[in-house]
All heavy atoms as atom14 arrays in JSON, in Angstrom:
{
  "sequence": "ENALKHAFLGRKKGNRVTVQVEALPSKRLHISVRD",
  "atom14_mask": [
    [1, 1, 1, 1, 1, 1, 1, 1, 1, 0, 0, 0, 0, 0],
    [1, 1, 1, 1, 1, 1, 1, 1, 0, 0, 0, 0, 0, 0],
    [1, 1, 1, 1, 1, 0, 0, 0, 0, 0, 0, 0, 0, 0],
    [1, 1, 1, 1, 1, 1, 1, 1, 0, 0, 0, 0, 0, 0],
    [1, 1, 1, 1, 1, 1, 1, 1, 1, 0, 0, 0, 0, 0],
    [1, 1, 1, 1, 1, 1, 1, 1, 1, 1, 0, 0, 0, 0],
    [1, 1, 1, 1, 1, 0, 0, 0, 0, 0, 0, 0, 0, 0],
    [1, 1, 1, 1, 1, 1, 1, 1, 1, 1, 1, 0, 0, 0],
    [1, 1, 1, 1, 1, 1, 1, 1, 0, 0, 0, 0, 0, 0],
    [1, 1, 1, 1, 0, 0, 0, 0, 0, 0, 0, 0, 0, 0],
    [1, 1, 1, 1, 1, 1, 1, 1, 1, 1, 1, 0, 0, 0],
    [1, 1, 1, 1, 1, 1, 1, 1, 1, 0, 0, 0, 0, 0],
    [1, 1, 1, 1, 1, 1, 1, 1, 1, 0, 0, 0, 0, 0],
    [1, 1, 1, 1, 0, 0, 0, 0, 0, 0, 0, 0, 0, 0],
    [1, 1, 1, 1, 1, 1, 1, 1, 0, 0, 0, 0, 0, 0],
    [1, 1, 1, 1, 1, 1, 1, 1, 1, 1, 1, 0, 0, 0],
    [1, 1, 1, 1, 1, 1, 1, 0, 0, 0, 0, 0, 0, 0],
    [1, 1, 1, 1, 1, 1, 1, 0, 0, 0, 0, 0, 0, 0],
    [1, 1, 1, 1, 1, 1, 1, 0, 0, 0, 0, 0, 0, 0],
    [1, 1, 1, 1, 1, 1, 1, 1, 1, 0, 0, 0, 0, 0],
    [1, 1, 1, 1, 1, 1, 1, 0, 0, 0, 0, 0, 0, 0],
    [1, 1, 1, 1, 1, 1, 1, 1, 1, 0, 0, 0, 0, 0],
    [1, 1, 1, 1, 1, 0, 0, 0, 0, 0, 0, 0, 0, 0],
    [1, 1, 1, 1, 1, 1, 1, 1, 0, 0, 0, 0, 0, 0],
    [1, 1, 1, 1, 1, 1, 1, 0, 0, 0, 0, 0, 0, 0],
    [1, 1, 1, 1, 1, 1, 0, 0, 0, 0, 0, 0, 0, 0],
    [1, 1, 1, 1, 1, 1, 1, 1, 1, 0, 0, 0, 0, 0],
    [1, 1, 1, 1, 1, 1, 1, 1, 1, 1, 1, 0, 0, 0],
    [1, 1, 1, 1, 1, 1, 1, 1, 0, 0, 0, 0, 0, 0],
    [1, 1, 1, 1, 1, 1, 1, 1, 1, 1, 0, 0, 0, 0],
    [1, 1, 1, 1, 1, 1, 1, 1, 0, 0, 0, 0, 0, 0],
    [1, 1, 1, 1, 1, 1, 0, 0, 0, 0, 0, 0, 0, 0],
    [1, 1, 1, 1, 1, 1, 1, 0, 0, 0, 0, 0, 0, 0],
    [1, 1, 1, 1, 1, 1, 1, 1, 1, 1, 1, 0, 0, 0],
    [1, 1, 1, 1, 1, 1, 1, 1, 0, 0, 0, 0, 0, 0]
  ],
  "atom14_positions": [
    [[3.88, 7.07, 2.33], [3.91, 8.52, 2.14], [3.66, 8.88, 0.68], [2.93, 9.83, 0.38], [5.26, 9.09, 2.58], [5.35, 10.6, 2.47], [6.66, 11.15, 3.0], [7.43, 10.39, 3.6], [6.91, 12.36, 2.8], [0.0, 0.0, 0.0], [0.0, 0.0, 0.0], [0.0, 0.0, 0.0], [0.0, 0.0, 0.0], [0.0, 0.0, 0.0]],
    [[4.21, 8.1, -0.22], [3.99, 8.33, -1.64], [2.51, 8.2, -1.99], [1.97, 9.0, -2.75], [4.81, 7.31, -2.45], [4.71, 7.53, -3.94], [5.27, 8.45, -4.5], [3.95, 6.67, -4.61], [0.0, 0.0, 0.0], [0.0, 0.0, 0.0], [0.0, 0.0, 0.0], [0.0, 0.0, 0.0], [0.0, 0.0, 0.0], [0.0, 0.0, 0.0]],
    [[1.84, 7.2, -1.39], [0.41, 7.03, -1.65], [-0.4, 8.2, -1.12], [-1.28, 8.73, -1.81], [-0.07, 5.72, -1.02], [0.0, 0.0, 0.0], [0.0, 0.0, 0.0], [0.0, 0.0, 0.0], [0.0, 0.0, 0.0], [0.0, 0.0, 0.0], [0.0, 0.0, 0.0], [0.0, 0.0, 0.0], [0.0, 0.0, 0.0], [0.0, 0.0, 0.0]],
    [[-0.11, 8.63, 0.1], [-0.87, 9.73, 0.69], [-0.67, 11.03, -0.09], [-1.58, 11.84, -0.2], [-0.47, 9.93, 2.16], [-0.7, 8.75, 3.11], [-0.51, 9.2, 4.55], [-2.07, 8.14, 2.93], [0.0, 0.0, 0.0], [0.0, 0.0, 0.0], [0.0, 0.0, 0.0], [0.0, 0.0, 0.0], [0.0, 0.0, 0.0], [0.0, 0.0, 0.0]],
    [[0.53, 11.23, -0.62], [0.82, 12.47, -1.34], [0.23, 12.5, -2.74], [-0.24, 13.55, -3.2], [2.35, 12.66, -1.45], [3.01, 13.21, -0.22], [4.48, 13.45, -0.52], [5.19, 14.11, 0.65], [6.63, 14.36, 0.36], [0.0, 0.0, 0.0], [0.0, 0.0, 0.0], [0.0, 0.0, 0.0], [0.0, 0.0, 0.0], [0.0, 0.0, 0.0]],
    [[0.26, 11.34, -3.42], [0.0, 11.37, -4.86], [-1.22, 10.6, -5.33], [-1.69, 10.84, -6.45], [1.24, 10.83, -5.6], [2.51, 11.56, -5.3], [2.74, 12.86, -5.72], [3.61, 11.19, -4.59], [3.94, 13.24, -5.3], [4.48, 12.25, -4.62], [0.0, 0.0, 0.0], [0.0, 0.0, 0.0], [0.0, 0.0, 0.0], [0.0, 0.0, 0.0]],
    [[-1.72, 9.67, -4.54], [-2.72, 8.74, -5.08], [-4.1, 9.34, -5.24], [-4.85, 8.95, -6.13], [-2.8, 7.49, -4.19], [0.0, 0.0, 0.0], [0.0, 0.0, 0.0], [0.0, 0.0, 0.0], [0.0, 0.0, 0.0], [0.0, 0.0, 0.0], [0.0, 0.0, 0.0], [0.0, 0.0, 0.0], [0.0, 0.0, 0.0], [0.0, 0.0, 0.0]],
    [[-4.46, 10.3, -4.39], [-5.87, 10.67, -4.26], [-6.23, 12.04, -4.83], [-7.41, 12.38, -4.91], [-6.29, 10.57, -2.79], [-5.95, 9.24, -2.18], [-5.02, 9.15, -1.15], [-6.53, 8.09, -2.65], [-4.69, 7.93, -0.59], [-6.22, 6.85, -2.1], [-5.3, 6.77, -1.07], [0.0, 0.0, 0.0], [0.0, 0.0, 0.0], [0.0, 0.0, 0.0]],
    [[-5.25, 12.84, -5.18], [-5.46, 14.11, -5.89], [-6.58, 14.97, -5.29], [-7.51, 15.4, -5.97], [-5.78, 13.82, -7.36], [-4.66, 13.16, -8.17], [-5.14, 12.84, -9.59], [-3.43, 14.04, -8.21], [0.0, 0.0, 0.0], [0.0, 0.0, 0.0], [0.0, 0.0, 0.0], [0.0, 0.0, 0.0], [0.0, 0.0, 0.0], [0.0, 0.0, 0.0]],
    [[-6.5, 15.2, -3.99], [-7.45, 16.1, -3.34], [-8.74, 15.45, -2.88], [-9.58, 16.11, -2.27], [0.0, 0.0, 0.0], [0.0, 0.0, 0.0], [0.0, 0.0, 0.0], [0.0, 0.0, 0.0], [0.0, 0.0, 0.0], [0.0, 0.0, 0.0], [0.0, 0.0, 0.0], [0.0, 0.0, 0.0], [0.0, 0.0, 0.0], [0.0, 0.0, 0.0]],
    [[-8.92, 14.18, -3.17], [-10.14, 13.49, -2.72], [-10.11, 13.37, -1.2], [-9.14, 12.88, -0.63], [-10.22, 12.1, -3.36], [-11.56, 11.41, -3.14], [-11.64, 10.12, -3.97], [-10.73, 9.1, -3.46], [-10.49, 7.96, -4.08], [-11.03, 7.72, -5.27], [-9.66, 7.07, -3.56], [0.0, 0.0, 0.0], [0.0, 0.0, 0.0], [0.0, 0.0, 0.0]],
    [[-11.16, 13.78, -0.54], [-11.14, 13.9, 0.92], [-11.77, 12.71, 1.64], [-11.64, 12.6, 2.87], [-11.85, 15.18, 1.35], [-11.13, 16.44, 0.86], [-11.79, 17.7, 1.36], [-11.03, 18.94, 0.88], [-11.65, 20.19, 1.37], [0.0, 0.0, 0.0], [0.0, 0.0, 0.0], [0.0, 0.0, 0.0], [0.0, 0.0, 0.0], [0.0, 0.0, 0.0]],
    [[-12.46, 11.83, 0.94], [-13.09, 10.69, 1.59], [-12.9, 9.44, 0.74], [-12.66, 9.51, -0.46], [-14.58, 10.94, 1.81], [-14.88, 12.04, 2.82], [-16.38, 12.16, 3.08], [-16.66, 13.22, 4.13], [-18.12, 13.36, 4.4], [0.0, 0.0, 0.0], [0.0, 0.0, 0.0], [0.0, 0.0, 0.0], [0.0, 0.0, 0.0], [0.0, 0.0, 0.0]],
    [[-13.02, 8.27, 1.43], [-12.95, 7.01, 0.72], [-11.56, 6.63, 0.25], [-11.42, 5.83, -0.68], [0.0, 0.0, 0.0], [0.0, 0.0, 0.0], [0.0, 0.0, 0.0], [0.0, 0.0, 0.0], [0.0, 0.0, 0.0], [0.0, 0.0, 0.0], [0.0, 0.0, 0.0], [0.0, 0.0, 0.0], [0.0, 0.0, 0.0], [0.0, 0.0, 0.0]],
    [[-10.54, 7.17, 0.89], [-9.15, 6.9, 0.48], [-8.58, 5.77, 1.33], [-8.45, 5.9, 2.54], [-8.3, 8.16, 0.64], [-8.84, 9.33, -0.16], [-9.25, 9.16, -1.3], [-8.85, 10.51, 0.44], [0.0, 0.0, 0.0], [0.0, 0.0, 0.0], [0.0, 0.0, 0.0], [0.0, 0.0, 0.0], [0.0, 0.0, 0.0], [0.0, 0.0, 0.0]],
    [[-8.23, 4.68, 0.69], [-7.76, 3.5, 1.42], [-6.33, 3.15, 1.0], [-6.0, 3.16, -0.18], [-8.66, 2.3, 1.18], [-10.07, 2.47, 1.73], [-10.82, 1.15, 1.71], [-10.89, 0.57, 0.36], [-11.81, 0.91, -0.53], [-12.73, 1.82, -0.24], [-11.81, 0.34, -1.72], [0.0, 0.0, 0.0], [0.0, 0.0, 0.0], [0.0, 0.0, 0.0]],
    [[-5.52, 2.82, 2.01], [-4.16, 2.32, 1.77], [-4.0, 1.05, 2.59], [-4.3, 1.02, 3.78], [-3.09, 3.35, 2.19], [-1.69, 2.77, 1.97], [-3.24, 4.64, 1.39], [0.0, 0.0, 0.0], [0.0, 0.0, 0.0], [0.0, 0.0, 0.0], [0.0, 0.0, 0.0], [0.0, 0.0, 0.0], [0.0, 0.0, 0.0], [0.0, 0.0, 0.0]],
    [[-3.54, -0.01, 1.94], [-3.37, -1.3, 2.6], [-1.91, -1.71, 2.55], [-1.29, -1.73, 1.48], [-4.22, -2.38, 1.9], [-5.59, -1.99, 1.93], [-4.07, -3.71, 2.61], [0.0, 0.0, 0.0], [0.0, 0.0, 0.0], [0.0, 0.0, 0.0], [0.0, 0.0, 0.0], [0.0, 0.0, 0.0], [0.0, 0.0, 0.0], [0.0, 0.0, 0.0]],
    [[-1.35, -2.02, 3.71], [0.04, -2.49, 3.82], [0.0, -3.95, 4.26], [-0.68, -4.31, 5.23], [0.83, -1.66, 4.85], [2.26, -2.2, 4.99], [0.84, -0.19, 4.47], [0.0, 0.0, 0.0], [0.0, 0.0, 0.0], [0.0, 0.0, 0.0], [0.0, 0.0, 0.0], [0.0, 0.0, 0.0], [0.0, 0.0, 0.0], [0.0, 0.0, 0.0]],
    [[0.75, -4.78, 3.55], [0.79, -6.2, 3.9], [2.22, -6.72, 3.78], [2.93, -6.41, 2.82], [-0.13, -7.01, 2.98], [-0.25, -8.48, 3.38], [-1.33, -9.2, 2.59], [-1.88, -8.65, 1.65], [-1.63, -10.42, 3.0], [0.0, 0.0, 0.0], [0.0, 0.0, 0.0], [0.0, 0.0, 0.0], [0.0, 0.0, 0.0], [0.0, 0.0, 0.0]],
    [[2.63, -7.48, 4.78], [3.95, -8.13, 4.77], [3.72, -9.62, 4.95], [3.01, -10.05, 5.87], [4.84, -7.59, 5.91], [6.2, -8.28, 5.9], [5.03, -6.08, 5.77], [0.0, 0.0, 0.0], [0.0, 0.0, 0.0], [0.0, 0.0, 0.0], [0.0, 0.0, 0.0], [0.0, 0.0, 0.0], [0.0, 0.0, 0.0], [0.0, 0.0, 0.0]],
    [[4.32, -10.42, 4.07], [4.13, -11.87, 4.15], [5.39, -12.6, 3.72], [6.22, -12.06, 2.97], [2.94, -12.31, 3.29], [3.1, -12.0, 1.82], [1.91, -12.45, 1.0], [1.12, -13.27, 1.5], [1.77, -11.98, -0.15], [0.0, 0.0, 0.0], [0.0, 0.0, 0.0], [0.0, 0.0, 0.0], [0.0, 0.0, 0.0], [0.0, 0.0, 0.0]],
    [[5.53, -13.82, 4.21], [6.64, -14.68, 3.82], [6.18, -15.59, 2.69], [5.09, -16.16, 2.72], [7.1, -15.5, 5.01], [0.0, 0.0, 0.0], [0.0, 0.0, 0.0], [0.0, 0.0, 0.0], [0.0, 0.0, 0.0], [0.0, 0.0, 0.0], [0.0, 0.0, 0.0], [0.0, 0.0, 0.0], [0.0, 0.0, 0.0], [0.0, 0.0, 0.0]],
    [[7.04, -15.74, 1.67], [6.73, -16.61, 0.55], [7.45, -17.95, 0.71], [8.49, -18.03, 1.39], [7.16, -15.94, -0.76], [6.52, -14.57, -1.06], [7.07, -14.02, -2.36], [5.01, -14.67, -1.1], [0.0, 0.0, 0.0], [0.0, 0.0, 0.0], [0.0, 0.0, 0.0], [0.0, 0.0, 0.0], [0.0, 0.0, 0.0], [0.0, 0.0, 0.0]],
    [[6.93, -19.01, 0.11], [7.57, -20.33, 0.23], [9.02, -20.34, -0.24], [9.82, -21.15, 0.2], [6.7, -21.22, -0.67], [5.37, -20.54, -0.7], [5.67, -19.07, -0.65], [0.0, 0.0, 0.0], [0.0, 0.0, 0.0], [0.0, 0.0, 0.0], [0.0, 0.0, 0.0], [0.0, 0.0, 0.0], [0.0, 0.0, 0.0], [0.0, 0.0, 0.0]],
    [[9.36, -19.41, -1.12], [10.73, -19.35, -1.65], [11.71, -18.66, -0.71], [12.8, -18.28, -1.12], [10.7, -18.6, -2.98], [10.15, -17.3, -2.82], [0.0, 0.0, 0.0], [0.0, 0.0, 0.0], [0.0, 0.0, 0.0], [0.0, 0.0, 0.0], [0.0, 0.0, 0.0], [0.0, 0.0, 0.0], [0.0, 0.0, 0.0], [0.0, 0.0, 0.0]],
    [[11.32, -18.5, 0.56], [12.14, -17.81, 1.56], [12.43, -16.37, 1.16], [13.53, -15.85, 1.34], [13.44, -18.57, 1.82], [13.24, -19.92, 2.49], [14.55, -20.57, 2.85], [14.32, -21.9, 3.56], [15.6, -22.56, 3.93], [0.0, 0.0, 0.0], [0.0, 0.0, 0.0], [0.0, 0.0, 0.0], [0.0, 0.0, 0.0], [0.0, 0.0, 0.0]],
    [[11.41, -15.75, 0.6], [11.49, -14.35, 0.25], [10.42, -13.59, 1.01], [9.37, -14.14, 1.38], [11.3, -14.16, -1.27], [12.5, -14.63, -2.06], [12.17, -14.8, -3.53], [11.86, -13.55, -4.21], [12.77, -12.69, -4.64], [14.05, -12.91, -4.43], [12.43, -11.59, -5.28], [0.0, 0.0, 0.0], [0.0, 0.0, 0.0], [0.0, 0.0, 0.0]],
    [[10.69, -12.32, 1.26], [9.74, -11.46, 1.95], [9.01, -10.63, 0.91], [9.62, -10.04, 0.02], [10.47, -10.54, 2.93], [9.56, -9.7, 3.86], [8.89, -10.6, 4.89], [10.37, -8.61, 4.55], [0.0, 0.0, 0.0], [0.0, 0.0, 0.0], [0.0, 0.0, 0.0], [0.0, 0.0, 0.0], [0.0, 0.0, 0.0], [0.0, 0.0, 0.0]],
    [[7.7, -10.57, 1.04], [6.87, -9.82, 0.11], [6.22, -8.66, 0.86], [5.51, -8.87, 1.85], [5.79, -10.73, -0.49], [4.81, -10.01, -1.36], [3.45, -10.3, -1.35], [4.97, -9.01, -2.26], [2.84, -9.51, -2.22], [3.74, -8.72, -2.78], [0.0, 0.0, 0.0], [0.0, 0.0, 0.0], [0.0, 0.0, 0.0], [0.0, 0.0, 0.0]],
    [[6.48, -7.44, 0.44], [5.88, -6.23, 1.02], [5.03, -5.57, -0.04], [5.51, -5.31, -1.15], [6.96, -5.25, 1.51], [7.87, -5.91, 2.55], [6.33, -3.98, 2.08], [9.11, -5.08, 2.87], [0.0, 0.0, 0.0], [0.0, 0.0, 0.0], [0.0, 0.0, 0.0], [0.0, 0.0, 0.0], [0.0, 0.0, 0.0], [0.0, 0.0, 0.0]],
    [[3.78, -5.3, 0.27], [2.92, -4.62, -0.7], [2.23, -3.43, -0.05], [1.84, -3.48, 1.12], [1.86, -5.58, -1.26], [0.92, -5.94, -0.28], [0.0, 0.0, 0.0], [0.0, 0.0, 0.0], [0.0, 0.0, 0.0], [0.0, 0.0, 0.0], [0.0, 0.0, 0.0], [0.0, 0.0, 0.0], [0.0, 0.0, 0.0], [0.0, 0.0, 0.0]],
    [[2.14, -2.35, -0.81], [1.41, -1.15, -0.39], [0.46, -0.81, -1.53], [0.89, -0.48, -2.64], [2.35, 0.03, -0.11], [1.54, 1.28, 0.24], [3.3, -0.31, 1.04], [0.0, 0.0, 0.0], [0.0, 0.0, 0.0], [0.0, 0.0, 0.0], [0.0, 0.0, 0.0], [0.0, 0.0, 0.0], [0.0, 0.0, 0.0], [0.0, 0.0, 0.0]],
    [[-0.84, -0.93, -1.26], [-1.86, -0.72, -2.29], [-2.76, 0.44, -1.9], [-3.05, 0.66, -0.72], [-2.71, -1.98, -2.48], [-1.93, -3.19, -2.96], [-2.86, -4.39, -3.19], [-2.15, -5.52, -3.79], [-1.55, -6.48, -3.11], [-1.59, -6.44, -1.79], [-0.93, -7.47, -3.73], [0.0, 0.0, 0.0], [0.0, 0.0, 0.0], [0.0, 0.0, 0.0]],
    [[-3.21, 1.18, -2.9], [-4.17, 2.26, -2.66], [-5.3, 2.16, -3.67], [-5.19, 1.47, -4.69], [-3.48, 3.63, -2.74], [-2.95, 3.95, -4.14], [-3.77, 4.12, -5.06], [-1.72, 4.02, -4.32], [0.0, 0.0, 0.0], [0.0, 0.0, 0.0], [0.0, 0.0, 0.0], [0.0, 0.0, 0.0], [0.0, 0.0, 0.0], [0.0, 0.0, 0.0]]
  ]
}
């Protein structure tokens, strides 16, 4: 929601958001949200 509200500043096309969840070898969970 933060990305959709703030990342694109009125740009109407070409807006990408990528969500990824993965397990790390250290038994930690990694969540990333990129725009």
